Amino acid sequence: SAAIKHHLYRFWQTCIREPVTLVGTSMGGAVAIDFATTYPDAVRK
């Protein structure tokens, strides 16, 4: 889960670079929760 979160953050930094509305389905919801609590500045909603 830590590797998934780091990779997702680097994807966000590389491709998007602004706060997003982060949508997670099923396990993707767990990823979204983990990501939003670690990188709150990357998640607008």
PDB file of all heavy atoms in Angstrom:
ATOM      1  N   SER A   1       0.829  -1.204   0.000  1.00  0.00           N
ATOM      2  CA  SER A   1       0.000   0.000   0.000  1.00  0.00           C
ATOM      3  C   SER A   1       0.865   1.256   0.000  1.00  0.00           C
ATOM      4  O   SER A   1       0.519   2.271  -0.641  1.00  0.00           O
ATOM      5  CB  SER A   1      -0.944  -0.001   1.202  1.00  0.00           C
ATOM      6  OG  SER A   1      -0.211  -0.075   2.422  1.00  0.00           O
ATOM      7  N   ALA A   2       2.017   1.217   0.686  1.00  0.00           N
ATOM      8  CA  ALA A   2       2.917   2.375   0.704  1.00  0.00           C
ATOM      9  C   ALA A   2       3.495   2.636  -0.680  1.00  0.00           C
ATOM     10  O   ALA A   2       3.624   3.798  -1.107  1.00  0.00           O
ATOM     11  CB  ALA A   2       4.043   2.150   1.712  1.00  0.00           C
ATOM     12  N   ALA A   3       3.845   1.571  -1.409  1.00  0.00           N
ATOM     13  CA  ALA A   3       4.385   1.727  -2.755  1.00  0.00           C
ATOM     14  C   ALA A   3       3.326   2.279  -3.703  1.00  0.00           C
ATOM     15  O   ALA A   3       3.611   3.139  -4.552  1.00  0.00           O
ATOM     16  CB  ALA A   3       4.912   0.385  -3.261  1.00  0.00           C
ATOM     17  N   ILE A   4       2.099   1.782  -3.572  1.00  0.00           N
ATOM     18  CA  ILE A   4       0.997   2.273  -4.408  1.00  0.00           C
ATOM     19  C   ILE A   4       0.783   3.767  -4.170  1.00  0.00           C
ATOM     20  O   ILE A   4       0.610   4.554  -5.111  1.00  0.00           O
ATOM     21  CB  ILE A   4      -0.285   1.480  -4.123  1.00  0.00           C
ATOM     22  CG1 ILE A   4      -0.144   0.047  -4.645  1.00  0.00           C
ATOM     23  CG2 ILE A   4      -1.508   2.161  -4.731  1.00  0.00           C
ATOM     24  CD1 ILE A   4      -1.265  -0.883  -4.217  1.00  0.00           C
ATOM     25  N   LYS A   5       0.811   4.174  -2.912  1.00  0.00           N
ATOM     26  CA  LYS A   5       0.595   5.591  -2.571  1.00  0.00           C
ATOM     27  C   LYS A   5       1.709   6.465  -3.113  1.00  0.00           C
ATOM     28  O   LYS A   5       1.437   7.540  -3.675  1.00  0.00           O
ATOM     29  CB  LYS A   5       0.478   5.741  -1.057  1.00  0.00           C
ATOM     30  CG  LYS A   5       0.305   7.173  -0.590  1.00  0.00           C
ATOM     31  CD  LYS A   5      -0.086   7.243   0.879  1.00  0.00           C
ATOM     32  CE  LYS A   5       0.919   6.583   1.790  1.00  0.00           C
ATOM     33  NZ  LYS A   5       0.554   6.727   3.217  1.00  0.00           N
ATOM     34  N   HIS A   6       2.945   6.029  -2.977  1.00  0.00           N
ATOM     35  CA  HIS A   6       4.065   6.825  -3.495  1.00  0.00           C
ATOM     36  C   HIS A   6       3.983   6.954  -5.011  1.00  0.00           C
ATOM     37  O   HIS A   6       4.160   8.046  -5.572  1.00  0.00           O
ATOM     38  CB  HIS A   6       5.393   6.187  -3.099  1.00  0.00           C
ATOM     39  CG  HIS A   6       6.577   6.817  -3.765  1.00  0.00           C
ATOM     40  ND1 HIS A   6       7.007   8.096  -3.490  1.00  0.00           N
ATOM     41  CD2 HIS A   6       7.410   6.344  -4.745  1.00  0.00           C
ATOM     42  CE1 HIS A   6       8.050   8.396  -4.247  1.00  0.00           C
ATOM     43  NE2 HIS A   6       8.308   7.361  -5.020  1.00  0.00           N
ATOM     44  N   HIS A   7       3.725   5.855  -5.687  1.00  0.00           N
ATOM     45  CA  HIS A   7       3.615   5.882  -7.151  1.00  0.00           C
ATOM     46  C   HIS A   7       2.483   6.812  -7.590  1.00  0.00           C
ATOM     47  O   HIS A   7       2.627   7.583  -8.548  1.00  0.00           O
ATOM     48  CB  HIS A   7       3.380   4.462  -7.666  1.00  0.00           C
ATOM     49  CG  HIS A   7       3.039   4.383  -9.117  1.00  0.00           C
ATOM     50  ND1 HIS A   7       1.733   4.220  -9.560  1.00  0.00           N
ATOM     51  CD2 HIS A   7       3.809   4.468 -10.232  1.00  0.00           C
ATOM     52  CE1 HIS A   7       1.729   4.195 -10.881  1.00  0.00           C
ATOM     53  NE2 HIS A   7       2.962   4.340 -11.310  1.00  0.00           N
ATOM     54  N   LEU A   8       1.348   6.743  -6.896  1.00  0.00           N
ATOM     55  CA  LEU A   8       0.217   7.609  -7.236  1.00  0.00           C
ATOM     56  C   LEU A   8       0.579   9.072  -7.021  1.00  0.00           C
ATOM     57  O   LEU A   8       0.223   9.933  -7.850  1.00  0.00           O
ATOM     58  CB  LEU A   8      -0.997   7.230  -6.389  1.00  0.00           C
ATOM     59  CG  LEU A   8      -2.262   8.067  -6.602  1.00  0.00           C
ATOM     60  CD1 LEU A   8      -2.743   7.974  -8.049  1.00  0.00           C
ATOM     61  CD2 LEU A   8      -3.363   7.621  -5.635  1.00  0.00           C
ATOM     62  N   TYR A   9       1.304   9.381  -5.956  1.00  0.00           N
ATOM     63  CA  TYR A   9       1.704  10.767  -5.702  1.00  0.00           C
ATOM     64  C   TYR A   9       2.644  11.273  -6.792  1.00  0.00           C
ATOM     65  O   TYR A   9       2.499  12.406  -7.278  1.00  0.00           O
ATOM     66  CB  TYR A   9       2.381  10.876  -4.339  1.00  0.00           C
ATOM     67  CG  TYR A   9       2.778  12.296  -3.984  1.00  0.00           C
ATOM     68  CD1 TYR A   9       1.813  13.294  -3.830  1.00  0.00           C
ATOM     69  CD2 TYR A   9       4.116  12.634  -3.811  1.00  0.00           C
ATOM     70  CE1 TYR A   9       2.173  14.602  -3.515  1.00  0.00           C
ATOM     71  CE2 TYR A   9       4.487  13.932  -3.490  1.00  0.00           C
ATOM     72  CZ  TYR A   9       3.505  14.913  -3.342  1.00  0.00           C
ATOM     73  OH  TYR A   9       3.865  16.205  -3.037  1.00  0.00           O
ATOM     74  N   ARG A  10       3.582  10.412  -7.212  1.00  0.00           N
ATOM     75  CA  ARG A  10       4.495  10.828  -8.263  1.00  0.00           C
ATOM     76  C   ARG A  10       3.753  10.983  -9.597  1.00  0.00           C
ATOM     77  O   ARG A  10       4.090  11.869 -10.390  1.00  0.00           O
ATOM     78  CB  ARG A  10       5.636   9.802  -8.401  1.00  0.00           C
ATOM     79  CG  ARG A  10       6.588   9.800  -7.217  1.00  0.00           C
ATOM     80  CD  ARG A  10       7.370  11.094  -7.108  1.00  0.00           C
ATOM     81  NE  ARG A  10       8.243  11.242  -8.285  1.00  0.00           N
ATOM     82  CZ  ARG A  10       8.247  12.292  -9.094  1.00  0.00           C
ATOM     83  NH1 ARG A  10       7.455  13.344  -8.853  1.00  0.00           N
ATOM     84  NH2 ARG A  10       9.055  12.338 -10.144  1.00  0.00           N
ATOM     85  N   PHE A  11       2.728  10.154  -9.826  1.00  0.00           N
ATOM     86  CA  PHE A  11       1.897  10.331 -11.019  1.00  0.00           C
ATOM     87  C   PHE A  11       1.199  11.689 -10.966  1.00  0.00           C
ATOM     88  O   PHE A  11       1.180  12.430 -11.950  1.00  0.00           O
ATOM     89  CB  PHE A  11       0.865   9.207 -11.119  1.00  0.00           C
ATOM     90  CG  PHE A  11      -0.155   9.415 -12.209  1.00  0.00           C
ATOM     91  CD1 PHE A  11       0.153   9.094 -13.527  1.00  0.00           C
ATOM     92  CD2 PHE A  11      -1.397   9.953 -11.920  1.00  0.00           C
ATOM     93  CE1 PHE A  11      -0.780   9.314 -14.542  1.00  0.00           C
ATOM     94  CE2 PHE A  11      -2.332  10.174 -12.933  1.00  0.00           C
ATOM     95  CZ  PHE A  11      -2.019   9.845 -14.242  1.00  0.00           C
ATOM     96  N   TRP A  12       0.620  12.006  -9.805  1.00  0.00           N
ATOM     97  CA  TRP A  12      -0.064  13.294  -9.646  1.00  0.00           C
ATOM     98  C   TRP A  12       0.922  14.446  -9.848  1.00  0.00           C
ATOM     99  O   TRP A  12       0.611  15.420 -10.550  1.00  0.00           O
ATOM    100  CB  TRP A  12      -0.703  13.364  -8.262  1.00  0.00           C
ATOM    101  CG  TRP A  12      -1.314  14.696  -7.963  1.00  0.00           C
ATOM    102  CD1 TRP A  12      -2.551  15.148  -8.334  1.00  0.00           C
ATOM    103  CD2 TRP A  12      -0.693  15.774  -7.244  1.00  0.00           C
ATOM    104  NE1 TRP A  12      -2.741  16.434  -7.892  1.00  0.00           N
ATOM    105  CE2 TRP A  12      -1.620  16.845  -7.225  1.00  0.00           C
ATOM    106  CE3 TRP A  12       0.535  15.928  -6.625  1.00  0.00           C
ATOM    107  CZ2 TRP A  12      -1.337  18.056  -6.601  1.00  0.00           C
ATOM    108  CZ3 TRP A  12       0.833  17.135  -5.998  1.00  0.00           C
ATOM    109  CH2 TRP A  12      -0.110  18.188  -5.989  1.00  0.00           C
ATOM    110  N   GLN A  13       2.099  14.341  -9.254  1.00  0.00           N
ATOM    111  CA  GLN A  13       3.102  15.400  -9.400  1.00  0.00           C
ATOM    112  C   GLN A  13       3.541  15.583 -10.849  1.00  0.00           C
ATOM    113  O   GLN A  13       3.758  16.710 -11.300  1.00  0.00           O
ATOM    114  CB  GLN A  13       4.343  15.065  -8.563  1.00  0.00           C
ATOM    115  CG  GLN A  13       4.236  15.366  -7.087  1.00  0.00           C
ATOM    116  CD  GLN A  13       5.559  15.155  -6.400  1.00  0.00           C
ATOM    117  OE1 GLN A  13       6.239  14.155  -6.625  1.00  0.00           O
ATOM    118  NE2 GLN A  13       5.937  16.092  -5.547  1.00  0.00           N
ATOM    119  N   THR A  14       3.635  14.485 -11.577  1.00  0.00           N
ATOM    120  CA  THR A  14       4.157  14.518 -12.941  1.00  0.00           C
ATOM    121  C   THR A  14       3.110  14.972 -13.949  1.00  0.00           C
ATOM    122  O   THR A  14       3.406  15.764 -14.861  1.00  0.00           O
ATOM    123  CB  THR A  14       4.683  13.129 -13.340  1.00  0.00           C
ATOM    124  OG1 THR A  14       5.673  12.700 -12.397  1.00  0.00           O
ATOM    125  CG2 THR A  14       5.286  13.143 -14.743  1.00  0.00           C
ATOM    126  N   CYS A  15       1.874  14.496 -13.786  1.00  0.00           N
ATOM    127  CA  CYS A  15       0.873  14.670 -14.841  1.00  0.00           C
ATOM    128  C   CYS A  15      -0.201  15.711 -14.537  1.00  0.00           C
ATOM    129  O   CYS A  15      -0.744  16.317 -15.468  1.00  0.00           O
ATOM    130  CB  CYS A  15       0.191  13.324 -15.118  1.00  0.00           C
ATOM    131  SG  CYS A  15       1.316  12.042 -15.699  1.00  0.00           S
ATOM    132  N   ILE A  16      -0.544  15.908 -13.273  1.00  0.00           N
ATOM    133  CA  ILE A  16      -1.696  16.755 -12.948  1.00  0.00           C
ATOM    134  C   ILE A  16      -1.272  18.047 -12.258  1.00  0.00           C
ATOM    135  O   ILE A  16      -1.639  19.146 -12.683  1.00  0.00           O
ATOM    136  CB  ILE A  16      -2.717  15.976 -12.090  1.00  0.00           C
ATOM    137  CG1 ILE A  16      -3.132  14.685 -12.819  1.00  0.00           C
ATOM    138  CG2 ILE A  16      -3.944  16.848 -11.811  1.00  0.00           C
ATOM    139  CD1 ILE A  16      -4.079  13.799 -12.044  1.00  0.00           C
ATOM    140  N   ARG A  17      -0.567  17.925 -11.149  1.00  0.00           N
ATOM    141  CA  ARG A  17       0.079  19.074 -10.488  1.00  0.00           C
ATOM    142  C   ARG A  17      -0.894  20.126  -9.959  1.00  0.00           C
ATOM    143  O   ARG A  17      -0.536  21.287  -9.811  1.00  0.00           O
ATOM    144  CB  ARG A  17       1.104  19.743 -11.424  1.00  0.00           C
ATOM    145  CG  ARG A  17       2.231  18.844 -11.859  1.00  0.00           C
ATOM    146  CD  ARG A  17       3.240  19.588 -12.720  1.00  0.00           C
ATOM    147  NE  ARG A  17       2.634  20.052 -13.957  1.00  0.00           N
ATOM    148  CZ  ARG A  17       2.505  19.305 -15.047  1.00  0.00           C
ATOM    149  NH1 ARG A  17       2.932  18.063 -15.055  1.00  0.00           N
ATOM    150  NH2 ARG A  17       1.944  19.795 -16.150  1.00  0.00           N
ATOM    151  N   GLU A  18      -2.115  19.752  -9.692  1.00  0.00           N
ATOM    152  CA  GLU A  18      -3.059  20.657  -9.033  1.00  0.00           C
ATOM    153  C   GLU A  18      -4.070  19.819  -8.263  1.00  0.00           C
ATOM    154  O   GLU A  18      -4.282  18.638  -8.580  1.00  0.00           O
ATOM    155  CB  GLU A  18      -3.762  21.556 -10.047  1.00  0.00           C
ATOM    156  CG  GLU A  18      -4.554  20.818 -11.114  1.00  0.00           C
ATOM    157  CD  GLU A  18      -5.189  21.770 -12.108  1.00  0.00           C
ATOM    158  OE1 GLU A  18      -5.919  22.685 -11.672  1.00  0.00           O
ATOM    159  OE2 GLU A  18      -4.969  21.584 -13.316  1.00  0.00           O
ATOM    160  N   PRO A  19      -4.712  20.392  -7.235  1.00  0.00           N
ATOM    161  CA  PRO A  19      -5.637  19.606  -6.418  1.00  0.00           C
ATOM    162  C   PRO A  19      -6.772  19.010  -7.253  1.00  0.00           C
ATOM    163  O   PRO A  19      -7.317  19.663  -8.146  1.00  0.00           O
ATOM    164  CB  PRO A  19      -6.155  20.621  -5.402  1.00  0.00           C
ATOM    165  CG  PRO A  19      -5.076  21.646  -5.325  1.00  0.00           C
ATOM    166  CD  PRO A  19      -4.521  21.750  -6.713  1.00  0.00           C
ATOM    167  N   VAL A  20      -7.132  17.772  -6.943  1.00  0.00           N
ATOM    168  CA  VAL A  20      -8.126  17.037  -7.719  1.00  0.00           C
ATOM    169  C   VAL A  20      -9.327  16.667  -6.860  1.00  0.00           C
ATOM    170  O   VAL A  20      -9.254  16.658  -5.618  1.00  0.00           O
ATOM    171  CB  VAL A  20      -7.530  15.737  -8.300  1.00  0.00           C
ATOM    172  CG1 VAL A  20      -6.371  16.023  -9.227  1.00  0.00           C
ATOM    173  CG2 VAL A  20      -7.102  14.772  -7.176  1.00  0.00           C
ATOM    174  N   THR A  21     -10.426  16.365  -7.525  1.00  0.00           N
ATOM    175  CA  THR A  21     -11.494  15.605  -6.883  1.00  0.00           C
ATOM    176  C   THR A  21     -11.111  14.147  -7.081  1.00  0.00           C
ATOM    177  O   THR A  21     -11.098  13.638  -8.205  1.00  0.00           O
ATOM    178  CB  THR A  21     -12.859  15.893  -7.525  1.00  0.00           C
ATOM    179  OG1 THR A  21     -13.213  17.262  -7.263  1.00  0.00           O
ATOM    180  CG2 THR A  21     -13.930  14.986  -6.943  1.00  0.00           C
ATOM    181  N   LEU A  22     -10.755  13.480  -5.993  1.00  0.00           N
ATOM    182  CA  LEU A  22     -10.240  12.113  -6.037  1.00  0.00           C
ATOM    183  C   LEU A  22     -11.392  11.140  -5.820  1.00  0.00           C
ATOM    184  O   LEU A  22     -12.082  11.203  -4.803  1.00  0.00           O
ATOM    185  CB  LEU A  22      -9.171  11.932  -4.964  1.00  0.00           C
ATOM    186  CG  LEU A  22      -8.384  10.618  -4.986  1.00  0.00           C
ATOM    187  CD1 LEU A  22      -7.604  10.464  -6.290  1.00  0.00           C
ATOM    188  CD2 LEU A  22      -7.425  10.562  -3.789  1.00  0.00           C
ATOM    189  N   VAL A  23     -11.587  10.244  -6.787  1.00  0.00           N
ATOM    190  CA  VAL A  23     -12.702   9.300  -6.763  1.00  0.00           C
ATOM    191  C   VAL A  23     -12.149   7.888  -6.680  1.00  0.00           C
ATOM    192  O   VAL A  23     -11.415   7.451  -7.581  1.00  0.00           O
ATOM    193  CB  VAL A  23     -13.577   9.440  -8.030  1.00  0.00           C
ATOM    194  CG1 VAL A  23     -14.753   8.471  -7.976  1.00  0.00           C
ATOM    195  CG2 VAL A  23     -14.062  10.877  -8.195  1.00  0.00           C
ATOM    196  N   GLY A  24     -12.498   7.160  -5.618  1.00  0.00           N
ATOM    197  CA  GLY A  24     -12.025   5.791  -5.461  1.00  0.00           C
ATOM    198  C   GLY A  24     -13.175   4.817  -5.335  1.00  0.00           C
ATOM    199  O   GLY A  24     -14.133   5.072  -4.610  1.00  0.00           O
ATOM    200  N   THR A  25     -13.082   3.707  -6.072  1.00  0.00           N
ATOM    201  CA  THR A  25     -14.113   2.669  -6.020  1.00  0.00           C
ATOM    202  C   THR A  25     -13.558   1.431  -5.339  1.00  0.00           C
ATOM    203  O   THR A  25     -12.442   0.994  -5.635  1.00  0.00           O
ATOM    204  CB  THR A  25     -14.584   2.292  -7.438  1.00  0.00           C
ATOM    205  OG1 THR A  25     -13.514   1.666  -8.150  1.00  0.00           O
ATOM    206  CG2 THR A  25     -15.033   3.518  -8.212  1.00  0.00           C
ATOM    207  N   SER A  26     -14.333   0.863  -4.409  1.00  0.00           N
ATOM    208  CA  SER A  26     -13.944  -0.373  -3.723  1.00  0.00           C
ATOM    209  C   SER A  26     -12.539  -0.216  -3.124  1.00  0.00           C
ATOM    210  O   SER A  26     -12.310   0.686  -2.329  1.00  0.00           O
ATOM    211  CB  SER A  26     -14.030  -1.556  -4.682  1.00  0.00           C
ATOM    212  OG  SER A  26     -13.965  -2.779  -3.986  1.00  0.00           O
ATOM    213  N   MET A  27     -11.553  -1.056  -3.501  1.00  0.00           N
ATOM    214  CA  MET A  27     -10.206  -0.893  -2.967  1.00  0.00           C
ATOM    215  C   MET A  27      -9.626   0.467  -3.337  1.00  0.00           C
ATOM    216  O   MET A  27      -8.821   1.038  -2.589  1.00  0.00           O
ATOM    217  CB  MET A  27      -9.279  -1.998  -3.473  1.00  0.00           C
ATOM    218  CG  MET A  27      -7.906  -1.991  -2.808  1.00  0.00           C
ATOM    219  SD  MET A  27      -6.624  -2.886  -3.723  1.00  0.00           S
ATOM    220  CE  MET A  27      -6.173  -1.653  -4.964  1.00  0.00           C
ATOM    221  N   GLY A  28     -10.036   1.009  -4.498  1.00  0.00           N
ATOM    222  CA  GLY A  28      -9.585   2.345  -4.872  1.00  0.00           C
ATOM    223  C   GLY A  28     -10.016   3.399  -3.871  1.00  0.00           C
ATOM    224  O   GLY A  28      -9.353   4.433  -3.721  1.00  0.00           O
ATOM    225  N   GLY A  29     -11.126   3.142  -3.156  1.00  0.00           N
ATOM    226  CA  GLY A  29     -11.541   4.038  -2.088  1.00  0.00           C
ATOM    227  C   GLY A  29     -10.560   4.019  -0.939  1.00  0.00           C
ATOM    228  O   GLY A  29     -10.244   5.064  -0.344  1.00  0.00           O
ATOM    229  N   ALA A  30     -10.053   2.820  -0.614  1.00  0.00           N
ATOM    230  CA  ALA A  30      -9.043   2.717   0.437  1.00  0.00           C
ATOM    231  C   ALA A  30      -7.767   3.444   0.025  1.00  0.00           C
ATOM    232  O   ALA A  30      -7.145   4.141   0.839  1.00  0.00           O
ATOM    233  CB  ALA A  30      -8.746   1.246   0.730  1.00  0.00           C
ATOM    234  N   VAL A  31      -7.378   3.299  -1.238  1.00  0.00           N
ATOM    235  CA  VAL A  31      -6.217   4.025  -1.751  1.00  0.00           C
ATOM    236  C   VAL A  31      -6.452   5.529  -1.631  1.00  0.00           C
ATOM    237  O   VAL A  31      -5.564   6.284  -1.207  1.00  0.00           O
ATOM    238  CB  VAL A  31      -5.943   3.654  -3.222  1.00  0.00           C
ATOM    239  CG1 VAL A  31      -4.763   4.457  -3.760  1.00  0.00           C
ATOM    240  CG2 VAL A  31      -5.675   2.161  -3.359  1.00  0.00           C
ATOM    241  N   ALA A  32      -7.658   5.969  -1.974  1.00  0.00           N
ATOM    242  CA  ALA A  32      -7.984   7.398  -1.925  1.00  0.00           C
ATOM    243  C   ALA A  32      -7.926   7.938  -0.497  1.00  0.00           C
ATOM    244  O   ALA A  32      -7.437   9.045  -0.264  1.00  0.00           O
ATOM    245  CB  ALA A  32      -9.368   7.633  -2.531  1.00  0.00           C
ATOM    246  N   ILE A  33      -8.435   7.177   0.459  1.00  0.00           N
ATOM    247  CA  ILE A  33      -8.377   7.592   1.868  1.00  0.00           C
ATOM    248  C   ILE A  33      -6.928   7.724   2.321  1.00  0.00           C
ATOM    249  O   ILE A  33      -6.527   8.721   2.942  1.00  0.00           O
ATOM    250  CB  ILE A  33      -9.140   6.592   2.753  1.00  0.00           C
ATOM    251  CG1 ILE A  33     -10.636   6.641   2.449  1.00  0.00           C
ATOM    252  CG2 ILE A  33      -8.884   6.871   4.233  1.00  0.00           C
ATOM    253  CD1 ILE A  33     -11.420   5.493   3.063  1.00  0.00           C
ATOM    254  N   ASP A  34      -6.125   6.705   2.019  1.00  0.00           N
ATOM    255  CA  ASP A  34      -4.712   6.708   2.395  1.00  0.00           C
ATOM    256  C   ASP A  34      -3.987   7.890   1.759  1.00  0.00           C
ATOM    257  O   ASP A  34      -3.190   8.588   2.404  1.00  0.00           O
ATOM    258  CB  ASP A  34      -4.088   5.384   1.945  1.00  0.00           C
ATOM    259  CG  ASP A  34      -2.718   5.137   2.545  1.00  0.00           C
ATOM    260  OD1 ASP A  34      -2.400   5.720   3.595  1.00  0.00           O
ATOM    261  OD2 ASP A  34      -1.957   4.340   1.957  1.00  0.00           O
ATOM    262  N   PHE A  35      -4.280   8.148   0.490  1.00  0.00           N
ATOM    263  CA  PHE A  35      -3.627   9.239  -0.243  1.00  0.00           C
ATOM    264  C   PHE A  35      -4.061  10.598   0.311  1.00  0.00           C
ATOM    265  O   PHE A  35      -3.233  11.483   0.539  1.00  0.00           O
ATOM    266  CB  PHE A  35      -3.993   9.132  -1.724  1.00  0.00           C
ATOM    267  CG  PHE A  35      -3.280  10.112  -2.606  1.00  0.00           C
ATOM    268  CD1 PHE A  35      -2.021   9.817  -3.114  1.00  0.00           C
ATOM    269  CD2 PHE A  35      -3.866  11.323  -2.951  1.00  0.00           C
ATOM    270  CE1 PHE A  35      -1.355  10.729  -3.947  1.00  0.00           C
ATOM    271  CE2 PHE A  35      -3.207  12.224  -3.775  1.00  0.00           C
ATOM    272  CZ  PHE A  35      -1.944  11.925  -4.268  1.00  0.00           C
ATOM    273  N   ALA A  36      -5.359  10.762   0.540  1.00  0.00           N
ATOM    274  CA  ALA A  36      -5.887  12.054   0.985  1.00  0.00           C
ATOM    275  C   ALA A  36      -5.385  12.437   2.372  1.00  0.00           C
ATOM    276  O   ALA A  36      -5.187  13.624   2.657  1.00  0.00           O
ATOM    277  CB  ALA A  36      -7.411  12.036   0.963  1.00  0.00           C
ATOM    278  N   THR A  37      -5.200  11.445   3.241  1.00  0.00           N
ATOM    279  CA  THR A  37      -4.720  11.753   4.589  1.00  0.00           C
ATOM    280  C   THR A  37      -3.221  12.030   4.607  1.00  0.00           C
ATOM    281  O   THR A  37      -2.729  12.752   5.481  1.00  0.00           O
ATOM    282  CB  THR A  37      -5.033  10.603   5.562  1.00  0.00           C
ATOM    283  OG1 THR A  37      -4.531   9.370   5.029  1.00  0.00           O
ATOM    284  CG2 THR A  37      -6.533  10.474   5.766  1.00  0.00           C
ATOM    285  N   THR A  38      -2.486  11.490   3.630  1.00  0.00           N
ATOM    286  CA  THR A  38      -1.039  11.722   3.549  1.00  0.00           C
ATOM    287  C   THR A  38      -0.710  12.989   2.772  1.00  0.00           C
ATOM    288  O   THR A  38       0.213  13.736   3.119  1.00  0.00           O
ATOM    289  CB  THR A  38      -0.335  10.529   2.889  1.00  0.00           C
ATOM    290  OG1 THR A  38      -0.672   9.330   3.588  1.00  0.00           O
ATOM    291  CG2 THR A  38       1.185  10.701   2.907  1.00  0.00           C
ATOM    292  N   TYR A  39      -1.461  13.239   1.706  1.00  0.00           N
ATOM    293  CA  TYR A  39      -1.208  14.386   0.825  1.00  0.00           C
ATOM    294  C   TYR A  39      -2.472  15.245   0.691  1.00  0.00           C
ATOM    295  O   TYR A  39      -3.058  15.354  -0.388  1.00  0.00           O
ATOM    296  CB  TYR A  39      -0.768  13.895  -0.563  1.00  0.00           C
ATOM    297  CG  TYR A  39       0.421  12.977  -0.544  1.00  0.00           C
ATOM    298  CD1 TYR A  39       0.283  11.623  -0.868  1.00  0.00           C
ATOM    299  CD2 TYR A  39       1.697  13.444  -0.213  1.00  0.00           C
ATOM    300  CE1 TYR A  39       1.373  10.768  -0.862  1.00  0.00           C
ATOM    301  CE2 TYR A  39       2.791  12.595  -0.195  1.00  0.00           C
ATOM    302  CZ  TYR A  39       2.621  11.256  -0.519  1.00  0.00           C
ATOM    303  OH  TYR A  39       3.705  10.409  -0.507  1.00  0.00           O
ATOM    304  N   PRO A  40      -2.914  15.859   1.771  1.00  0.00           N
ATOM    305  CA  PRO A  40      -4.168  16.622   1.718  1.00  0.00           C
ATOM    306  C   PRO A  40      -4.136  17.791   0.731  1.00  0.00           C
ATOM    307  O   PRO A  40      -5.172  18.176   0.195  1.00  0.00           O
ATOM    308  CB  PRO A  40      -4.345  17.119   3.157  1.00  0.00           C
ATOM    309  CG  PRO A  40      -2.978  17.061   3.761  1.00  0.00           C
ATOM    310  CD  PRO A  40      -2.296  15.904   3.108  1.00  0.00           C
ATOM    311  N   ASP A  41      -2.940  18.335   0.455  1.00  0.00           N
ATOM    312  CA  ASP A  41      -2.858  19.462  -0.476  1.00  0.00           C
ATOM    313  C   ASP A  41      -3.114  19.039  -1.919  1.00  0.00           C
ATOM    314  O   ASP A  41      -3.376  19.895  -2.775  1.00  0.00           O
ATOM    315  CB  ASP A  41      -1.478  20.122  -0.388  1.00  0.00           C
ATOM    316  CG  ASP A  41      -1.263  20.848   0.931  1.00  0.00           C
ATOM    317  OD1 ASP A  41      -2.272  21.111   1.622  1.00  0.00           O
ATOM    318  OD2 ASP A  41      -0.101  21.134   1.274  1.00  0.00           O
ATOM    319  N   ALA A  42      -3.048  17.737  -2.187  1.00  0.00           N
ATOM    320  CA  ALA A  42      -3.277  17.246  -3.550  1.00  0.00           C
ATOM    321  C   ALA A  42      -4.748  16.931  -3.806  1.00  0.00           C
ATOM    322  O   ALA A  42      -5.126  16.688  -4.949  1.00  0.00           O
ATOM    323  CB  ALA A  42      -2.435  15.990  -3.802  1.00  0.00           C
ATOM    324  N   VAL A  43      -5.556  16.930  -2.746  1.00  0.00           N
ATOM    325  CA  VAL A  43      -6.956  16.499  -2.869  1.00  0.00           C
ATOM    326  C   VAL A  43      -7.873  17.642  -2.458  1.00  0.00           C
ATOM    327  O   VAL A  43      -7.895  18.057  -1.296  1.00  0.00           O
ATOM    328  CB  VAL A  43      -7.229  15.251  -2.002  1.00  0.00           C
ATOM    329  CG1 VAL A  43      -8.680  14.802  -2.164  1.00  0.00           C
ATOM    330  CG2 VAL A  43      -6.278  14.119  -2.372  1.00  0.00           C
ATOM    331  N   ARG A  44      -8.626  18.127  -3.425  1.00  0.00           N
ATOM    332  CA  ARG A  44      -9.568  19.219  -3.143  1.00  0.00           C
ATOM    333  C   ARG A  44     -10.858  18.674  -2.556  1.00  0.00           C
ATOM    334  O   ARG A  44     -11.398  19.219  -1.594  1.00  0.00           O
ATOM    335  CB  ARG A  44      -9.861  19.999  -4.436  1.00  0.00           C
ATOM    336  CG  ARG A  44     -10.567  21.323  -4.230  1.00  0.00           C
ATOM    337  CD  ARG A  44     -10.722  22.059  -5.548  1.00  0.00           C
ATOM    338  NE  ARG A  44     -11.660  21.357  -6.419  1.00  0.00           N
ATOM    339  CZ  ARG A  44     -12.986  21.548  -6.393  1.00  0.00           C
ATOM    340  NH1 ARG A  44     -13.512  22.407  -5.546  1.00  0.00           N
ATOM    341  NH2 ARG A  44     -13.774  20.889  -7.209  1.00  0.00           N
ATOM    342  N   LYS A  45     -11.369  17.584  -3.150  1.00  0.00           N
ATOM    343  CA  LYS A  45     -12.556  16.909  -2.653  1.00  0.00           C
ATOM    344  C   LYS A  45     -12.358  15.407  -2.819  1.00  0.00           C
ATOM    345  O   LYS A  45     -11.560  14.962  -3.655  1.00  0.00           O
ATOM    346  CB  LYS A  45     -13.818  17.362  -3.407  1.00  0.00           C
ATOM    347  CG  LYS A  45     -14.185  18.822  -3.169  1.00  0.00           C
ATOM    348  CD  LYS A  45     -15.501  19.193  -3.856  1.00  0.00           C
ATOM    349  CE  LYS A  45     -15.860  20.649  -3.570  1.00  0.00           C
ATOM    350  NZ  LYS A  45     -17.158  21.028  -4.182  1.00  0.00           N
TER     351      LYS A  45
END
